[in-house]
Amino acid sequence: MKVVVTGASGILGTDIVKELKEQGWEVLEFSSKNIMLHDIADVRAKILPFQPDIIIHSAALTNVDLCEDDHEAAIKVNVLGTHNISLVAAALQAKVAYISSCGVYGNGKMEAYNELDATNPLTYHHYTKLIGEQRIADHNHRYLVVRTGWLFGGDKEQRKNFVEARRKEAATAQVMRSAGDKFGSPTYTVDLAKQLIVLLKAEVFGVFNAVNTGRASRFDYVSEIVQLLQLTTPVEMVDSNAFPRRANMPDNEVLDNMQLRLRGLDVMRDWKAALKSYIDLTYQP
């Protein structure tokens, strides 16, 4: 099996590549350093000669606040880049898997969202991710849209490593503050990569939520990290207004893996167990 992975240098992309190679599949890796996703000629030139069976599109502009200020940058990567990937996948008749976001649901309920709930993104980033979903579906029949979020994992050196950022914060702060009114499903990138391979092997298509199970506030999440790292810095619960942002983030991003569960394909464990596994692997001597 030959697989193209975009966003291959990110915290999710690196684990996707690792899991694919453990399957014995041949992987062609792309990051912003070696492909211009907004340029259809470059996308065709880089991908078509490889003749992949599968394209996994995990590349995205994920800086939510930046997307609010620079709409064109968000469109260039999240919409035009995804459109070009969808066209190339269609030309190859390859399966295409698109990594989307829990934020596409917006606000509307405080219980977990399932795949039949309406989408109503609040931020420009999540709006462009939803448009990306539509571009994939417009041109491909054999597609997966995988909605996830609150990702943790990766090497300590990777810029978007949430756990490492909290460890560094605890080393310098007398008190850590975290929001008690924002909720989500913390999700381990390794578990998500394994779940993605299960989906690809199962020959199922459509929209799937894929997160580690359970519900956590930001405060719960950060407190669990501090406890597992055996740090002594206290964590104080505050209102999210203490962290003013350009983007209007949803209050609830908790997901229910309903479509995975109904098909007997859900391999995602509880988020606390997953977080412990990651910290034991990454931080314990």
Protein backbone atom coordinates (compact mmCIF):
# COMPACT_ATOMS: atom_id res chain seq x y z
CA MET A 1 0.00 0.00 0.00
CA LYS A 2 1.37 3.41 -1.00
CA VAL A 3 0.31 6.39 1.13
CA VAL A 4 0.90 10.15 0.87
CA VAL A 5 0.80 12.09 4.15
CA THR A 6 0.60 15.89 4.23
CA GLY A 7 1.43 17.71 7.44
CA ALA A 8 3.89 14.89 8.09
CA SER A 9 6.11 16.95 10.41
CA GLY A 10 3.30 17.87 12.82
CA ILE A 11 2.50 16.12 16.11
CA LEU A 12 -0.24 14.08 14.44
CA GLY A 13 1.49 13.63 11.11
CA THR A 14 4.64 12.15 12.65
CA ASP A 15 2.60 9.51 14.47
CA ILE A 16 0.53 8.74 11.38
CA VAL A 17 3.74 8.17 9.38
CA LYS A 18 5.18 5.94 12.12
CA GLU A 19 2.04 3.80 12.35
CA LEU A 20 1.79 3.46 8.56
CA LYS A 21 5.40 2.30 8.30
CA GLU A 22 4.77 -0.25 11.06
CA GLN A 23 2.06 -1.67 8.77
CA GLY A 24 4.73 -2.11 6.11
CA TRP A 25 3.13 0.53 3.87
CA GLU A 26 5.25 2.79 1.67
CA VAL A 27 4.92 6.42 2.75
CA LEU A 28 5.67 9.67 0.92
CA GLU A 29 5.87 12.52 3.43
CA PHE A 30 5.11 16.18 2.78
CA SER A 31 5.32 19.29 4.95
CA SER A 32 5.25 22.99 4.12
CA LYS A 33 8.98 22.73 3.36
CA ASN A 34 8.59 20.45 0.35
CA ILE A 35 5.13 21.04 -1.16
CA MET A 36 3.02 24.12 -1.96
CA LEU A 37 -0.49 22.84 -1.37
CA HIS A 38 -2.09 26.00 -2.80
CA ASP A 39 -0.32 25.40 -6.15
CA ILE A 40 -2.16 22.69 -8.09
CA ALA A 41 0.77 22.25 -10.49
CA ASP A 42 3.15 21.55 -7.60
CA VAL A 43 0.67 19.19 -5.92
CA ARG A 44 0.23 17.23 -9.14
CA ALA A 45 3.97 17.13 -9.86
CA LYS A 46 4.82 15.90 -6.35
CA ILE A 47 2.02 13.35 -5.84
CA LEU A 48 0.96 11.91 -9.22
CA PRO A 49 4.26 10.13 -10.04
CA PHE A 50 4.08 8.23 -6.71
CA GLN A 51 0.65 6.81 -7.65
CA PRO A 52 -0.59 6.49 -4.05
CA ASP A 53 -3.47 4.26 -3.03
CA ILE A 54 -4.30 6.62 -0.14
CA ILE A 55 -3.77 10.32 0.60
CA ILE A 56 -3.98 11.41 4.24
CA HIS A 57 -4.38 15.17 4.41
CA SER A 58 -3.48 16.36 7.89
CA ALA A 59 -1.82 19.64 6.89
CA ALA A 60 -3.64 22.77 8.02
CA LEU A 61 -3.18 26.30 9.26
CA THR A 62 -4.18 25.62 12.87
CA ASN A 63 -3.43 28.99 14.49
CA VAL A 64 -7.03 29.89 15.23
CA ASP A 65 -6.34 33.50 16.20
CA LEU A 66 -4.15 34.11 13.14
CA CYS A 67 -6.97 32.84 10.91
CA GLU A 68 -9.26 35.54 12.33
CA ASP A 69 -6.79 38.24 11.27
CA ASP A 70 -5.59 36.76 7.98
CA HIS A 71 -8.47 35.17 6.11
CA GLU A 72 -6.45 34.75 2.93
CA ALA A 73 -3.78 32.72 4.73
CA ALA A 74 -6.49 30.44 6.12
CA ILE A 75 -8.13 30.04 2.70
CA LYS A 76 -4.78 29.38 0.99
CA VAL A 77 -3.95 26.40 3.19
CA ASN A 78 -7.26 25.07 4.55
CA VAL A 79 -9.49 25.58 1.52
CA LEU A 80 -7.36 25.87 -1.63
CA GLY A 81 -4.79 23.33 -0.40
CA THR A 82 -7.54 20.86 0.47
CA HIS A 83 -9.30 21.50 -2.85
CA ASN A 84 -6.09 20.61 -4.70
CA ILE A 85 -5.58 17.45 -2.66
CA SER A 86 -9.17 16.42 -3.41
CA LEU A 87 -8.65 16.91 -7.15
CA VAL A 88 -5.45 14.85 -7.20
CA ALA A 89 -7.05 12.07 -5.12
CA ALA A 90 -9.97 11.97 -7.55
CA ALA A 91 -7.64 11.82 -10.56
CA LEU A 92 -5.82 8.86 -8.97
CA GLN A 93 -9.04 7.23 -7.71
CA ALA A 94 -7.23 7.05 -4.38
CA LYS A 95 -8.85 6.96 -0.97
CA VAL A 96 -8.52 10.31 0.76
CA ALA A 97 -8.64 10.92 4.52
CA TYR A 98 -9.05 14.50 5.71
CA ILE A 99 -8.31 15.49 9.30
CA SER A 100 -10.96 17.98 10.39
CA SER A 101 -11.83 19.57 13.72
CA CYS A 102 -14.22 19.26 16.63
CA GLY A 103 -14.73 23.03 16.31
CA VAL A 104 -16.87 22.71 13.17
CA TYR A 105 -19.89 21.99 15.40
CA GLY A 106 -19.65 25.41 17.10
CA ASN A 107 -21.95 26.00 20.05
CA GLY A 108 -25.41 24.55 20.45
CA LYS A 109 -25.32 21.77 23.03
CA MET A 110 -23.38 20.93 26.15
CA GLU A 111 -23.46 17.15 25.73
CA ALA A 112 -21.13 15.41 23.28
CA TYR A 113 -21.65 16.09 19.57
CA ASN A 114 -22.25 13.16 17.23
CA GLU A 115 -21.82 13.17 13.47
CA LEU A 116 -25.51 13.90 12.82
CA ASP A 117 -25.44 17.17 14.75
CA ALA A 118 -25.53 20.37 12.72
CA THR A 119 -22.31 22.25 12.02
CA ASN A 120 -22.08 25.95 12.87
CA PRO A 121 -18.42 27.04 13.16
CA LEU A 122 -17.75 30.13 15.27
CA THR A 123 -14.20 30.87 14.10
CA TYR A 124 -12.77 31.48 10.66
CA HIS A 125 -10.35 28.58 11.14
CA HIS A 126 -13.20 26.16 11.79
CA TYR A 127 -15.20 27.66 8.93
CA THR A 128 -12.34 26.93 6.52
CA LYS A 129 -11.97 23.40 7.92
CA LEU A 130 -15.66 22.80 7.21
CA ILE A 131 -15.29 24.14 3.67
CA GLY A 132 -12.35 21.74 3.32
CA GLU A 133 -14.63 18.86 4.28
CA GLN A 134 -17.03 19.91 1.55
CA ARG A 135 -14.25 20.10 -1.05
CA ILE A 136 -13.19 16.54 -0.22
CA ALA A 137 -16.76 15.24 -0.48
CA ASP A 138 -17.43 17.16 -3.71
CA HIS A 139 -14.75 15.32 -5.68
CA ASN A 140 -14.36 11.94 -4.00
CA HIS A 141 -16.62 9.00 -3.19
CA ARG A 142 -14.00 7.02 -1.23
CA TYR A 143 -13.29 9.63 1.43
CA LEU A 144 -12.97 9.88 5.19
CA VAL A 145 -13.54 13.08 7.13
CA VAL A 146 -12.14 12.58 10.63
CA ARG A 147 -13.19 15.20 13.19
CA THR A 148 -10.91 15.38 16.20
CA GLY A 149 -9.37 17.91 18.57
CA TRP A 150 -7.53 18.78 21.77
CA LEU A 151 -4.57 16.75 20.51
CA PHE A 152 -1.56 15.85 22.63
CA GLY A 153 1.53 13.88 21.73
CA GLY A 154 4.74 14.29 19.78
CA ASP A 155 8.31 14.93 20.82
CA LYS A 156 9.15 17.44 23.54
CA GLU A 157 10.80 19.64 20.92
CA GLN A 158 7.73 19.96 18.69
CA ARG A 159 6.25 23.44 18.80
CA LYS A 160 2.63 22.41 19.37
CA ASN A 161 3.29 19.92 22.17
CA PHE A 162 0.59 20.89 24.71
CA VAL A 163 1.94 18.70 27.53
CA GLU A 164 5.47 20.04 27.21
CA ALA A 165 4.16 23.61 27.13
CA ARG A 166 2.35 23.00 30.43
CA ARG A 167 5.46 21.40 31.95
CA LYS A 168 7.51 24.47 31.05
CA GLU A 169 4.78 26.75 32.38
CA ALA A 170 4.73 24.88 35.69
CA ALA A 171 8.51 25.29 36.00
CA THR A 172 8.27 29.09 36.08
CA ALA A 173 4.77 29.89 37.39
CA GLN A 174 3.85 30.12 41.05
CA VAL A 175 0.26 29.29 40.16
CA MET A 176 -1.12 27.94 36.89
CA ARG A 177 -4.53 29.16 35.76
CA SER A 178 -6.85 27.16 33.53
CA ALA A 179 -10.41 27.59 32.29
CA GLY A 180 -13.16 25.61 33.95
CA ASP A 181 -15.81 26.60 31.38
CA LYS A 182 -14.32 25.19 28.16
CA PHE A 183 -14.81 21.45 27.53
CA GLY A 184 -13.39 18.96 25.07
CA SER A 185 -12.02 15.47 24.49
CA PRO A 186 -8.23 15.33 24.97
CA THR A 187 -6.88 12.96 22.33
CA TYR A 188 -3.55 11.16 21.97
CA THR A 189 -2.05 11.43 18.50
CA VAL A 190 -0.82 7.81 18.58
CA ASP A 191 -4.33 6.54 19.37
CA LEU A 192 -5.79 8.68 16.59
CA ALA A 193 -3.22 7.39 14.09
CA LYS A 194 -4.09 3.79 15.02
CA GLN A 195 -7.82 4.57 14.68
CA LEU A 196 -7.22 6.06 11.25
CA ILE A 197 -5.54 2.86 10.06
CA VAL A 198 -8.50 0.83 11.38
CA LEU A 199 -10.81 3.00 9.26
CA LEU A 200 -8.65 2.74 6.16
CA LYS A 201 -8.53 -1.04 6.42
CA ALA A 202 -12.27 -1.33 7.05
CA GLU A 203 -13.26 0.21 3.69
CA VAL A 204 -15.81 2.51 5.29
CA PHE A 205 -16.32 6.08 4.13
CA GLY A 206 -17.96 9.29 5.30
CA VAL A 207 -17.72 11.50 8.39
CA PHE A 208 -16.37 10.13 11.67
CA ASN A 209 -15.68 11.68 15.05
CA ALA A 210 -12.47 10.21 16.49
CA VAL A 211 -11.37 11.25 19.97
CA ASN A 212 -10.30 9.58 23.17
CA THR A 213 -13.40 9.00 25.28
CA GLY A 214 -14.49 11.09 28.23
CA ARG A 215 -15.11 14.76 28.91
CA ALA A 216 -12.68 17.28 30.38
CA SER A 217 -12.57 20.98 31.05
CA ARG A 218 -9.31 22.76 30.32
CA PHE A 219 -8.82 22.82 34.09
CA ASP A 220 -9.34 19.04 34.33
CA TYR A 221 -6.91 18.50 31.46
CA VAL A 222 -4.13 20.70 32.85
CA SER A 223 -4.62 19.36 36.38
CA GLU A 224 -4.23 15.79 35.11
CA ILE A 225 -1.02 16.72 33.28
CA VAL A 226 0.43 18.36 36.40
CA GLN A 227 -0.48 15.36 38.56
CA LEU A 228 0.94 12.77 36.12
CA LEU A 229 4.17 14.76 35.78
CA GLN A 230 4.35 14.87 39.59
CA LEU A 231 4.68 18.64 39.60
CA THR A 232 3.89 20.72 42.67
CA THR A 233 2.62 23.89 40.99
CA PRO A 234 -1.01 24.50 42.00
CA VAL A 235 -3.63 24.85 39.25
CA GLU A 236 -6.36 27.45 39.77
CA MET A 237 -9.71 27.22 37.99
CA VAL A 238 -10.71 30.47 36.31
CA ASP A 239 -13.23 31.69 33.76
CA SER A 240 -12.10 31.64 30.12
CA ASN A 241 -12.49 35.43 30.07
CA ALA A 242 -9.12 35.45 31.85
CA PHE A 243 -7.60 34.41 28.49
CA PRO A 244 -8.85 36.95 25.92
CA ARG A 245 -8.53 35.63 22.36
CA ARG A 246 -9.12 37.00 18.90
CA ALA A 247 -11.16 33.91 18.01
CA ASN A 248 -14.49 33.13 19.67
CA MET A 249 -13.80 29.54 20.70
CA PRO A 250 -16.70 27.13 21.38
CA ASP A 251 -17.62 26.35 24.98
CA ASN A 252 -18.08 22.67 24.21
CA GLU A 253 -15.93 20.60 21.84
CA VAL A 254 -16.66 17.18 23.37
CA LEU A 255 -17.30 14.53 20.71
CA ASP A 256 -19.09 11.18 20.66
CA ASN A 257 -17.54 8.57 18.34
CA MET A 258 -21.03 7.39 17.38
CA GLN A 259 -20.27 6.26 13.84
CA LEU A 260 -17.18 4.32 14.95
CA ARG A 261 -19.10 2.71 17.81
CA LEU A 262 -22.08 1.66 15.68
CA ARG A 263 -19.75 -0.03 13.20
CA GLY A 264 -17.75 -1.79 15.93
CA LEU A 265 -14.61 0.10 14.89
CA ASP A 266 -13.99 2.34 17.92
CA VAL A 267 -10.54 1.61 19.39
CA MET A 268 -10.19 4.92 21.27
CA ARG A 269 -9.61 4.53 25.01
CA ASP A 270 -10.31 6.91 27.91
CA TRP A 271 -8.37 10.17 27.66
CA LYS A 272 -6.83 9.84 31.13
CA ALA A 273 -5.42 6.40 30.32
CA ALA A 274 -4.07 7.71 27.02
CA LEU A 275 -2.49 10.74 28.68
CA LYS A 276 -0.80 8.52 31.27
CA SER A 277 0.60 6.31 28.51
CA TYR A 278 2.03 9.33 26.69
CA ILE A 279 3.60 10.84 29.80
CA ASP A 280 5.02 7.49 30.96
CA LEU A 281 6.57 6.97 27.53
CA THR A 282 7.90 10.51 27.09
CA TYR A 283 8.87 11.72 30.56
CA GLN A 284 9.66 8.73 32.74
CA PRO A 285 13.34 7.65 33.00
